[in-house]
Amino acid sequence: GGPNPAAVRVGQGVIRERLTAHRNDSDILAYRSHGLYVTWAKVSASQRDGVERYLAERLNPKVGISFPDVVPIPVNLLW
């Protein structure tokens, strides 16, 4: 949040399960003083890996280093 937003984590999966796991992830929690926000979108299963790859390349998340090795699929960004 704030004047210089940055992505902390990019991923895919069952939202409830992923958020539950990430709420206790010390690597993610290290950024809580900056304000953490969550967003998601419905993406067809056949495009998820490509969208995740695109978001990882464009947003350069602070946490997470392994992303699908597929052709990126462009999507609209939040900022």
PDB file of N, CA and C in Angstrom:
ATOM      1  N   GLY A   1       0.810  -1.184   0.000  1.00  0.00           N
ATOM      2  CA  GLY A   1       0.000   0.000   0.000  1.00  0.00           C
ATOM      3  C   GLY A   1       0.855   1.250   0.000  1.00  0.00           C
ATOM      4  N   GLY A   2       0.208   2.376   0.075  1.00  0.00           N
ATOM      5  CA  GLY A   2       0.894   3.648   0.146  1.00  0.00           C
ATOM      6  C   GLY A   2       1.297   4.181  -1.207  1.00  0.00           C
ATOM      7  N   PRO A   3       2.199   5.170  -1.225  1.00  0.00           N
ATOM      8  CA  PRO A   3       2.574   5.820  -2.477  1.00  0.00           C
ATOM      9  C   PRO A   3       3.436   4.952  -3.392  1.00  0.00           C
ATOM     10  N   ASN A   4       4.062   3.917  -2.859  1.00  0.00           N
ATOM     11  CA  ASN A   4       4.922   3.037  -3.651  1.00  0.00           C
ATOM     12  C   ASN A   4       4.492   1.583  -3.486  1.00  0.00           C
ATOM     13  N   PRO A   5       3.364   1.204  -4.075  1.00  0.00           N
ATOM     14  CA  PRO A   5       2.888  -0.170  -3.892  1.00  0.00           C
ATOM     15  C   PRO A   5       3.845  -1.183  -4.510  1.00  0.00           C
ATOM     16  N   ALA A   6       3.903  -2.339  -3.914  1.00  0.00           N
ATOM     17  CA  ALA A   6       4.743  -3.423  -4.412  1.00  0.00           C
ATOM     18  C   ALA A   6       4.044  -4.743  -4.136  1.00  0.00           C
ATOM     19  N   ALA A   7       4.297  -5.711  -4.980  1.00  0.00           N
ATOM     20  CA  ALA A   7       3.736  -7.048  -4.785  1.00  0.00           C
ATOM     21  C   ALA A   7       4.634  -7.817  -3.822  1.00  0.00           C
ATOM     22  N   VAL A   8       4.022  -8.435  -2.844  1.00  0.00           N
ATOM     23  CA  VAL A   8       4.772  -9.257  -1.907  1.00  0.00           C
ATOM     24  C   VAL A   8       4.762 -10.707  -2.371  1.00  0.00           C
ATOM     25  N   ARG A   9       3.623 -11.181  -2.878  1.00  0.00           N
ATOM     26  CA  ARG A   9       3.502 -12.591  -3.282  1.00  0.00           C
ATOM     27  C   ARG A   9       2.564 -12.699  -4.464  1.00  0.00           C
ATOM     28  N   VAL A  10       2.879 -13.575  -5.401  1.00  0.00           N
ATOM     29  CA  VAL A  10       2.025 -13.899  -6.546  1.00  0.00           C
ATOM     30  C   VAL A  10       1.848 -15.404  -6.538  1.00  0.00           C
ATOM     31  N   GLY A  11       0.636 -15.868  -6.797  1.00  0.00           N
ATOM     32  CA  GLY A  11       0.436 -17.307  -6.818  1.00  0.00           C
ATOM     33  C   GLY A  11      -0.944 -17.680  -7.290  1.00  0.00           C
ATOM     34  N   GLN A  12      -1.261 -18.942  -7.134  1.00  0.00           N
ATOM     35  CA  GLN A  12      -2.554 -19.466  -7.559  1.00  0.00           C
ATOM     36  C   GLN A  12      -2.934 -20.617  -6.644  1.00  0.00           C
ATOM     37  N   GLY A  13      -4.194 -20.964  -6.672  1.00  0.00           N
ATOM     38  CA  GLY A  13      -4.664 -22.081  -5.867  1.00  0.00           C
ATOM     39  C   GLY A  13      -6.016 -21.793  -5.260  1.00  0.00           C
ATOM     40  N   VAL A  14      -6.408 -22.607  -4.302  1.00  0.00           N
ATOM     41  CA  VAL A  14      -7.658 -22.414  -3.582  1.00  0.00           C
ATOM     42  C   VAL A  14      -7.434 -21.237  -2.629  1.00  0.00           C
ATOM     43  N   ILE A  15      -8.139 -20.138  -2.873  1.00  0.00           N
ATOM     44  CA  ILE A  15      -7.869 -18.889  -2.169  1.00  0.00           C
ATOM     45  C   ILE A  15      -7.871 -19.061  -0.655  1.00  0.00           C
ATOM     46  N   ARG A  16      -8.884 -19.687  -0.120  1.00  0.00           N
ATOM     47  CA  ARG A  16      -8.971 -19.855   1.337  1.00  0.00           C
ATOM     48  C   ARG A  16      -7.736 -20.576   1.878  1.00  0.00           C
ATOM     49  N   GLU A  17      -7.325 -21.637   1.217  1.00  0.00           N
ATOM     50  CA  GLU A  17      -6.165 -22.406   1.675  1.00  0.00           C
ATOM     51  C   GLU A  17      -4.879 -21.597   1.570  1.00  0.00           C
ATOM     52  N   ARG A  18      -4.712 -20.898   0.462  1.00  0.00           N
ATOM     53  CA  ARG A  18      -3.491 -20.115   0.261  1.00  0.00           C
ATOM     54  C   ARG A  18      -3.394 -18.983   1.274  1.00  0.00           C
ATOM     55  N   LEU A  19      -4.494 -18.261   1.485  1.00  0.00           N
ATOM     56  CA  LEU A  19      -4.461 -17.147   2.436  1.00  0.00           C
ATOM     57  C   LEU A  19      -4.243 -17.633   3.864  1.00  0.00           C
ATOM     58  N   THR A  20      -4.830 -18.771   4.203  1.00  0.00           N
ATOM     59  CA  THR A  20      -4.618 -19.338   5.536  1.00  0.00           C
ATOM     60  C   THR A  20      -3.138 -19.645   5.745  1.00  0.00           C
ATOM     61  N   ALA A  21      -2.512 -20.242   4.763  1.00  0.00           N
ATOM     62  CA  ALA A  21      -1.082 -20.560   4.864  1.00  0.00           C
ATOM     63  C   ALA A  21      -0.234 -19.292   4.913  1.00  0.00           C
ATOM     64  N   HIS A  22      -0.553 -18.329   4.078  1.00  0.00           N
ATOM     65  CA  HIS A  22       0.255 -17.110   4.002  1.00  0.00           C
ATOM     66  C   HIS A  22       0.125 -16.231   5.246  1.00  0.00           C
ATOM     67  N   ARG A  23      -0.971 -16.358   5.976  1.00  0.00           N
ATOM     68  CA  ARG A  23      -1.154 -15.551   7.196  1.00  0.00           C
ATOM     69  C   ARG A  23      -0.107 -15.870   8.254  1.00  0.00           C
ATOM     70  N   ASN A  24       0.526 -17.021   8.124  1.00  0.00           N
ATOM     71  CA  ASN A  24       1.543 -17.438   9.089  1.00  0.00           C
ATOM     72  C   ASN A  24       2.938 -17.508   8.478  1.00  0.00           C
ATOM     73  N   ASP A  25       3.096 -16.981   7.284  1.00  0.00           N
ATOM     74  CA  ASP A  25       4.379 -17.035   6.577  1.00  0.00           C
ATOM     75  C   ASP A  25       5.245 -15.847   7.011  1.00  0.00           C
ATOM     76  N   SER A  26       6.333 -16.124   7.699  1.00  0.00           N
ATOM     77  CA  SER A  26       7.178 -15.044   8.226  1.00  0.00           C
ATOM     78  C   SER A  26       7.789 -14.189   7.121  1.00  0.00           C
ATOM     79  N   ASP A  27       8.046 -14.775   5.957  1.00  0.00           N
ATOM     80  CA  ASP A  27       8.592 -13.991   4.841  1.00  0.00           C
ATOM     81  C   ASP A  27       7.595 -12.930   4.383  1.00  0.00           C
ATOM     82  N   ILE A  28       6.326 -13.284   4.355  1.00  0.00           N
ATOM     83  CA  ILE A  28       5.275 -12.332   3.973  1.00  0.00           C
ATOM     84  C   ILE A  28       5.028 -11.341   5.107  1.00  0.00           C
ATOM     85  N   LEU A  29       4.952 -11.847   6.321  1.00  0.00           N
ATOM     86  CA  LEU A  29       4.668 -10.989   7.472  1.00  0.00           C
ATOM     87  C   LEU A  29       5.746  -9.934   7.699  1.00  0.00           C
ATOM     88  N   ALA A  30       6.919 -10.143   7.170  1.00  0.00           N
ATOM     89  CA  ALA A  30       7.988  -9.145   7.297  1.00  0.00           C
ATOM     90  C   ALA A  30       7.586  -7.811   6.671  1.00  0.00           C
ATOM     91  N   TYR A  31       6.602  -7.816   5.780  1.00  0.00           N
ATOM     92  CA  TYR A  31       6.156  -6.599   5.087  1.00  0.00           C
ATOM     93  C   TYR A  31       4.886  -6.002   5.691  1.00  0.00           C
ATOM     94  N   ARG A  32       4.385  -6.538   6.774  1.00  0.00           N
ATOM     95  CA  ARG A  32       3.107  -6.082   7.332  1.00  0.00           C
ATOM     96  C   ARG A  32       3.124  -4.620   7.752  1.00  0.00           C
ATOM     97  N   SER A  33       4.261  -4.081   8.141  1.00  0.00           N
ATOM     98  CA  SER A  33       4.306  -2.674   8.565  1.00  0.00           C
ATOM     99  C   SER A  33       4.032  -1.718   7.408  1.00  0.00           C
ATOM    100  N   HIS A  34       4.145  -2.203   6.180  1.00  0.00           N
ATOM    101  CA  HIS A  34       3.865  -1.388   4.992  1.00  0.00           C
ATOM    102  C   HIS A  34       2.385  -1.434   4.616  1.00  0.00           C
ATOM    103  N   GLY A  35       1.639  -2.336   5.243  1.00  0.00           N
ATOM    104  CA  GLY A  35       0.233  -2.545   4.888  1.00  0.00           C
ATOM    105  C   GLY A  35       0.145  -3.643   3.846  1.00  0.00           C
ATOM    106  N   LEU A  36      -0.543  -4.700   4.167  1.00  0.00           N
ATOM    107  CA  LEU A  36      -0.704  -5.822   3.240  1.00  0.00           C
ATOM    108  C   LEU A  36      -2.143  -5.879   2.755  1.00  0.00           C
ATOM    109  N   TYR A  37      -2.313  -6.019   1.462  1.00  0.00           N
ATOM    110  CA  TYR A  37      -3.629  -6.105   0.845  1.00  0.00           C
ATOM    111  C   TYR A  37      -3.652  -7.332  -0.047  1.00  0.00           C
ATOM    112  N   VAL A  38      -4.834  -7.867  -0.263  1.00  0.00           N
ATOM    113  CA  VAL A  38      -5.001  -9.072  -1.065  1.00  0.00           C
ATOM    114  C   VAL A  38      -5.961  -8.783  -2.203  1.00  0.00           C
ATOM    115  N   THR A  39      -5.654  -9.323  -3.359  1.00  0.00           N
ATOM    116  CA  THR A  39      -6.585  -9.257  -4.481  1.00  0.00           C
ATOM    117  C   THR A  39      -6.510 -10.581  -5.227  1.00  0.00           C
ATOM    118  N   TRP A  40      -7.564 -10.905  -5.952  1.00  0.00           N
ATOM    119  CA  TRP A  40      -7.580 -12.134  -6.739  1.00  0.00           C
ATOM    120  C   TRP A  40      -8.536 -11.957  -7.895  1.00  0.00           C
ATOM    121  N   ALA A  41      -8.438 -12.877  -8.822  1.00  0.00           N
ATOM    122  CA  ALA A  41      -9.311 -12.854  -9.995  1.00  0.00           C
ATOM    123  C   ALA A  41      -9.626 -14.281 -10.404  1.00  0.00           C
ATOM    124  N   LYS A  42     -10.776 -14.449 -10.988  1.00  0.00           N
ATOM    125  CA  LYS A  42     -11.153 -15.747 -11.536  1.00  0.00           C
ATOM    126  C   LYS A  42     -10.454 -15.890 -12.888  1.00  0.00           C
ATOM    127  N   VAL A  43      -9.683 -16.958 -13.029  1.00  0.00           N
ATOM    128  CA  VAL A  43      -8.926 -17.225 -14.258  1.00  0.00           C
ATOM    129  C   VAL A  43      -9.151 -18.682 -14.624  1.00  0.00           C
ATOM    130  N   SER A  44      -9.392 -18.942 -15.890  1.00  0.00           N
ATOM    131  CA  SER A  44      -9.630 -20.324 -16.318  1.00  0.00           C
ATOM    132  C   SER A  44      -8.394 -21.177 -16.028  1.00  0.00           C
ATOM    133  N   ALA A  45      -8.631 -22.428 -15.706  1.00  0.00           N
ATOM    134  CA  ALA A  45      -7.549 -23.339 -15.344  1.00  0.00           C
ATOM    135  C   ALA A  45      -6.478 -23.413 -16.425  1.00  0.00           C
ATOM    136  N   SER A  46      -6.880 -23.331 -17.679  1.00  0.00           N
ATOM    137  CA  SER A  46      -5.920 -23.443 -18.781  1.00  0.00           C
ATOM    138  C   SER A  46      -5.000 -22.230 -18.898  1.00  0.00           C
ATOM    139  N   GLN A  47      -5.358 -21.118 -18.238  1.00  0.00           N
ATOM    140  CA  GLN A  47      -4.552 -19.898 -18.339  1.00  0.00           C
ATOM    141  C   GLN A  47      -3.830 -19.534 -17.045  1.00  0.00           C
ATOM    142  N   ARG A  48      -4.081 -20.220 -15.975  1.00  0.00           N
ATOM    143  CA  ARG A  48      -3.534 -19.833 -14.665  1.00  0.00           C
ATOM    144  C   ARG A  48      -2.016 -19.774 -14.627  1.00  0.00           C
ATOM    145  N   ASP A  49      -1.362 -20.790 -15.159  1.00  0.00           N
ATOM    146  CA  ASP A  49       0.102 -20.787 -15.120  1.00  0.00           C
ATOM    147  C   ASP A  49       0.667 -19.595 -15.888  1.00  0.00           C
ATOM    148  N   GLY A  50       0.108 -19.314 -17.057  1.00  0.00           N
ATOM    149  CA  GLY A  50       0.592 -18.198 -17.868  1.00  0.00           C
ATOM    150  C   GLY A  50       0.345 -16.852 -17.215  1.00  0.00           C
ATOM    151  N   VAL A  51      -0.806 -16.702 -16.583  1.00  0.00           N
ATOM    152  CA  VAL A  51      -1.118 -15.453 -15.878  1.00  0.00           C
ATOM    153  C   VAL A  51      -0.191 -15.291 -14.678  1.00  0.00           C
ATOM    154  N   GLU A  52       0.024 -16.358 -13.935  1.00  0.00           N
ATOM    155  CA  GLU A  52       0.944 -16.282 -12.794  1.00  0.00           C
ATOM    156  C   GLU A  52       2.340 -15.881 -13.265  1.00  0.00           C
ATOM    157  N   ARG A  53       2.779 -16.473 -14.359  1.00  0.00           N
ATOM    158  CA  ARG A  53       4.106 -16.144 -14.901  1.00  0.00           C
ATOM    159  C   ARG A  53       4.190 -14.666 -15.272  1.00  0.00           C
ATOM    160  N   TYR A  54       3.162 -14.168 -15.948  1.00  0.00           N
ATOM    161  CA  TYR A  54       3.132 -12.759 -16.349  1.00  0.00           C
ATOM    162  C   TYR A  54       3.190 -11.844 -15.124  1.00  0.00           C
ATOM    163  N   LEU A  55       2.366 -12.123 -14.133  1.00  0.00           N
ATOM    164  CA  LEU A  55       2.347 -11.298 -12.928  1.00  0.00           C
ATOM    165  C   LEU A  55       3.696 -11.329 -12.214  1.00  0.00           C
ATOM    166  N   ALA A  56       4.309 -12.486 -12.147  1.00  0.00           N
ATOM    167  CA  ALA A  56       5.614 -12.599 -11.495  1.00  0.00           C
ATOM    168  C   ALA A  56       6.666 -11.781 -12.237  1.00  0.00           C
ATOM    169  N   GLU A  57       6.638 -11.830 -13.564  1.00  0.00           N
ATOM    170  CA  GLU A  57       7.617 -11.078 -14.351  1.00  0.00           C
ATOM    171  C   GLU A  57       7.394  -9.574 -14.246  1.00  0.00           C
ATOM    172  N   ARG A  58       6.145  -9.144 -14.255  1.00  0.00           N
ATOM    173  CA  ARG A  58       5.835  -7.710 -14.225  1.00  0.00           C
ATOM    174  C   ARG A  58       5.926  -7.105 -12.835  1.00  0.00           C
ATOM    175  N   LEU A  59       5.519  -7.853 -11.813  1.00  0.00           N
ATOM    176  CA  LEU A  59       5.430  -7.294 -10.467  1.00  0.00           C
ATOM    177  C   LEU A  59       6.649  -7.578  -9.593  1.00  0.00           C
ATOM    178  N   ASN A  60       7.466  -8.529 -10.009  1.00  0.00           N
ATOM    179  CA  ASN A  60       8.674  -8.872  -9.260  1.00  0.00           C
ATOM    180  C   ASN A  60       8.385  -8.990  -7.755  1.00  0.00           C
ATOM    181  N   PRO A  61       7.579  -9.968  -7.361  1.00  0.00           N
ATOM    182  CA  PRO A  61       7.183 -10.092  -5.954  1.00  0.00           C
ATOM    183  C   PRO A  61       8.376 -10.271  -5.019  1.00  0.00           C
ATOM    184  N   LYS A  62       8.214  -9.753  -3.812  1.00  0.00           N
ATOM    185  CA  LYS A  62       9.280  -9.800  -2.806  1.00  0.00           C
ATOM    186  C   LYS A  62       9.501 -11.209  -2.266  1.00  0.00           C
ATOM    187  N   VAL A  63       8.460 -12.043  -2.289  1.00  0.00           N
ATOM    188  CA  VAL A  63       8.514 -13.398  -1.744  1.00  0.00           C
ATOM    189  C   VAL A  63       8.113 -14.378  -2.840  1.00  0.00           C
ATOM    190  N   GLY A  64       8.824 -15.481  -2.938  1.00  0.00           N
ATOM    191  CA  GLY A  64       8.517 -16.502  -3.944  1.00  0.00           C
ATOM    192  C   GLY A  64       9.470 -16.387  -5.115  1.00  0.00           C
ATOM    193  N   ILE A  65      10.077 -17.488  -5.480  1.00  0.00           N
ATOM    194  CA  ILE A  65      11.047 -17.444  -6.571  1.00  0.00           C
ATOM    195  C   ILE A  65      10.759 -18.463  -7.665  1.00  0.00           C
ATOM    196  N   SER A  66       9.826 -19.348  -7.445  1.00  0.00           N
ATOM    197  CA  SER A  66       9.539 -20.408  -8.409  1.00  0.00           C
ATOM    198  C   SER A  66       8.179 -20.167  -9.051  1.00  0.00           C
ATOM    199  N   PHE A  67       8.191 -19.972 -10.366  1.00  0.00           N
ATOM    200  CA  PHE A  67       6.958 -19.722 -11.095  1.00  0.00           C
ATOM    201  C   PHE A  67       6.894 -20.649 -12.304  1.00  0.00           C
ATOM    202  N   PRO A  68       5.687 -20.917 -12.814  1.00  0.00           N
ATOM    203  CA  PRO A  68       5.548 -21.850 -13.937  1.00  0.00           C
ATOM    204  C   PRO A  68       6.422 -21.454 -15.128  1.00  0.00           C
ATOM    205  N   ASP A  69       7.033 -22.440 -15.744  1.00  0.00           N
ATOM    206  CA  ASP A  69       7.885 -22.226 -16.916  1.00  0.00           C
ATOM    207  C   ASP A  69       7.016 -22.335 -18.166  1.00  0.00           C
ATOM    208  N   VAL A  70       6.216 -21.301 -18.395  1.00  0.00           N
ATOM    209  CA  VAL A  70       5.283 -21.272 -19.518  1.00  0.00           C
ATOM    210  C   VAL A  70       5.318 -19.890 -20.153  1.00  0.00           C
ATOM    211  N   VAL A  71       4.643 -19.758 -21.283  1.00  0.00           N
ATOM    212  CA  VAL A  71       4.533 -18.461 -21.947  1.00  0.00           C
ATOM    213  C   VAL A  71       3.633 -17.560 -21.101  1.00  0.00           C
ATOM    214  N   PRO A  72       4.094 -16.348 -20.775  1.00  0.00           N
ATOM    215  CA  PRO A  72       3.271 -15.431 -19.981  1.00  0.00           C
ATOM    216  C   PRO A  72       1.995 -15.032 -20.726  1.00  0.00           C
ATOM    217  N   ILE A  73       0.913 -14.875 -19.998  1.00  0.00           N
ATOM    218  CA  ILE A  73      -0.358 -14.406 -20.556  1.00  0.00           C
ATOM    219  C   ILE A  73      -0.659 -13.049 -19.925  1.00  0.00           C
ATOM    220  N   PRO A  74      -0.599 -11.964 -20.710  1.00  0.00           N
ATOM    221  CA  PRO A  74      -0.824 -10.620 -20.167  1.00  0.00           C
ATOM    222  C   PRO A  74      -2.233 -10.426 -19.608  1.00  0.00           C
ATOM    223  N   VAL A  75      -2.295  -9.690 -18.511  1.00  0.00           N
ATOM    224  CA  VAL A  75      -3.555  -9.302 -17.870  1.00  0.00           C
ATOM    225  C   VAL A  75      -3.421  -7.848 -17.424  1.00  0.00           C
ATOM    226  N   ASN A  76      -4.540  -7.227 -17.057  1.00  0.00           N
ATOM    227  CA  ASN A  76      -4.510  -5.864 -16.536  1.00  0.00           C
ATOM    228  C   ASN A  76      -3.938  -5.871 -15.127  1.00  0.00           C
ATOM    229  N   LEU A  77      -3.091  -4.905 -14.847  1.00  0.00           N
ATOM    230  CA  LEU A  77      -2.493  -4.784 -13.523  1.00  0.00           C
ATOM    231  C   LEU A  77      -3.266  -3.783 -12.676  1.00  0.00           C
ATOM    232  N   LEU A  78      -3.081  -3.869 -11.375  1.00  0.00           N
ATOM    233  CA  LEU A  78      -3.768  -2.964 -10.453  1.00  0.00           C
ATOM    234  C   LEU A  78      -3.230  -1.548 -10.518  1.00  0.00           C
ATOM    235  N   TRP A  79      -1.961  -1.397 -10.813  1.00  0.00           N
ATOM    236  CA  TRP A  79      -1.355  -0.070 -10.868  1.00  0.00           C
ATOM    237  C   TRP A  79      -0.474   0.050 -12.068  1.00  0.00           C
TER     238      TRP A  79
END
